[in-house]
Protein backbone atom coordinates (compact mmCIF):
# COMPACT_ATOMS: atom_id res chain seq x y z
CA MET A 1 -152.14 101.29 114.62
CA LYS A 2 -155.29 101.65 112.53
CA ILE A 3 -158.03 104.05 113.57
CA GLU A 4 -160.52 101.15 113.74
CA GLU A 5 -158.40 99.51 116.45
CA ILE A 6 -158.03 102.78 118.34
CA LEU A 7 -161.80 103.31 118.35
CA LYS A 8 -162.30 99.89 119.97
CA ASN A 9 -160.05 100.87 122.89
CA LYS A 10 -162.25 101.63 125.92
CA THR A 11 -159.90 104.42 127.08
CA THR A 12 -160.09 106.35 123.80
CA THR A 13 -161.23 109.95 124.21
CA LEU A 14 -163.30 111.30 121.31
CA VAL A 15 -162.94 115.05 120.79
CA ASP A 16 -165.23 116.91 118.40
CA VAL A 17 -163.29 120.02 117.33
CA ARG A 18 -166.24 121.65 115.57
CA SER A 19 -168.02 124.73 116.89
CA PRO A 20 -170.50 124.41 119.80
CA GLU A 21 -173.33 125.08 117.33
CA GLU A 22 -172.23 122.21 115.10
CA PHE A 23 -171.78 119.97 118.12
CA GLU A 24 -175.34 120.68 119.29
CA GLU A 25 -176.65 119.57 115.91
CA GLY A 26 -175.29 116.08 116.66
CA SER A 27 -172.03 114.35 117.40
CA MET A 28 -170.61 110.95 118.21
CA PRO A 29 -171.84 109.22 121.40
CA GLY A 30 -169.53 110.05 124.28
CA ALA A 31 -167.63 112.77 122.41
CA ILE A 32 -166.66 115.99 124.10
CA ASN A 33 -166.66 119.32 122.31
CA ILE A 34 -163.44 121.34 122.28
CA PRO A 35 -163.50 123.75 119.31
CA LEU A 36 -160.27 123.91 117.34
CA HIS A 37 -159.50 127.52 118.21
CA THR A 38 -159.65 126.78 121.98
CA ILE A 39 -157.25 123.82 121.98
CA PRO A 40 -154.02 125.76 122.75
CA ALA A 41 -155.59 127.24 125.89
CA ARG A 42 -156.74 123.80 127.02
CA VAL A 43 -153.52 121.80 126.62
CA VAL A 44 -153.45 120.87 130.34
CA GLU A 45 -156.93 119.40 129.96
CA PHE A 46 -155.82 117.35 126.96
CA LYS A 47 -152.81 116.02 128.89
CA ALA A 48 -155.19 114.74 131.57
CA PHE A 49 -157.49 112.87 129.15
CA PRO A 50 -157.26 109.11 128.87
CA THR A 51 -155.35 108.20 125.72
CA PRO A 52 -155.47 107.72 122.88
CA ILE A 53 -157.33 110.87 121.82
CA VAL A 54 -159.20 110.85 118.51
CA CYS A 55 -160.16 114.25 117.08
CA PHE A 56 -162.82 114.68 114.43
CA CYS A 57 -164.77 117.45 112.72
CA ARG A 58 -167.08 117.87 109.72
CA SER A 59 -164.68 117.15 106.87
CA GLY A 60 -161.33 116.30 108.44
CA ALA A 61 -159.52 119.62 107.96
CA ARG A 62 -159.92 120.91 111.52
CA SER A 63 -159.22 117.52 113.07
CA TYR A 64 -155.97 117.31 111.09
CA GLN A 65 -154.91 120.72 112.41
CA ALA A 66 -155.85 119.74 115.97
CA VAL A 67 -153.91 116.47 115.88
CA THR A 68 -150.86 118.11 114.31
CA TRP A 69 -150.79 120.68 117.14
CA LEU A 70 -151.43 118.11 119.89
CA LYS A 71 -148.66 115.84 118.64
CA HIS A 72 -146.25 118.79 118.75
CA GLN A 73 -147.20 119.09 122.42
CA GLY A 74 -146.35 115.41 122.99
CA ILE A 75 -149.99 114.34 123.32
CA GLU A 76 -150.94 110.96 121.84
CA SER A 77 -153.67 111.80 119.35
CA PHE A 78 -155.10 110.54 116.09
CA ASP A 79 -157.07 112.09 113.26
CA GLY A 80 -160.55 110.59 112.99
CA GLY A 81 -161.35 112.76 109.98
CA GLY A 82 -164.91 113.77 109.24
CA ILE A 83 -167.82 112.77 111.42
CA GLY A 84 -169.49 110.83 108.60
CA ASN A 85 -166.43 108.66 108.10
CA LEU A 86 -165.91 108.17 111.83
CA SER A 87 -169.54 107.23 112.36
CA GLY A 88 -169.22 104.48 109.74
CA LEU A 89 -166.07 103.12 111.41
CA ILE A 90 -167.69 102.96 114.86
CA LYS A 91 -170.80 101.19 113.58
CA ASN A 92 -168.68 98.46 111.97
């Protein structure tokens, strides 16, 4: 499934894995902030989120790490990459 299709799904959960400071500077509408380093401690929370889950960050490096870890936990998740790219996909 393409990320564009996933983003159109009304149950998709957007997770910004950047720091709280970066998140406060601006994020995607409706996104929640769960910094990358806190994800392992919040796995139960992730399992309760509506799926699919799309993680994103500034450049795509942290979101890739987050999705890799979440998938190893059996959590349906997708890498949205960097916020600039994701923003362009949602506007289209």
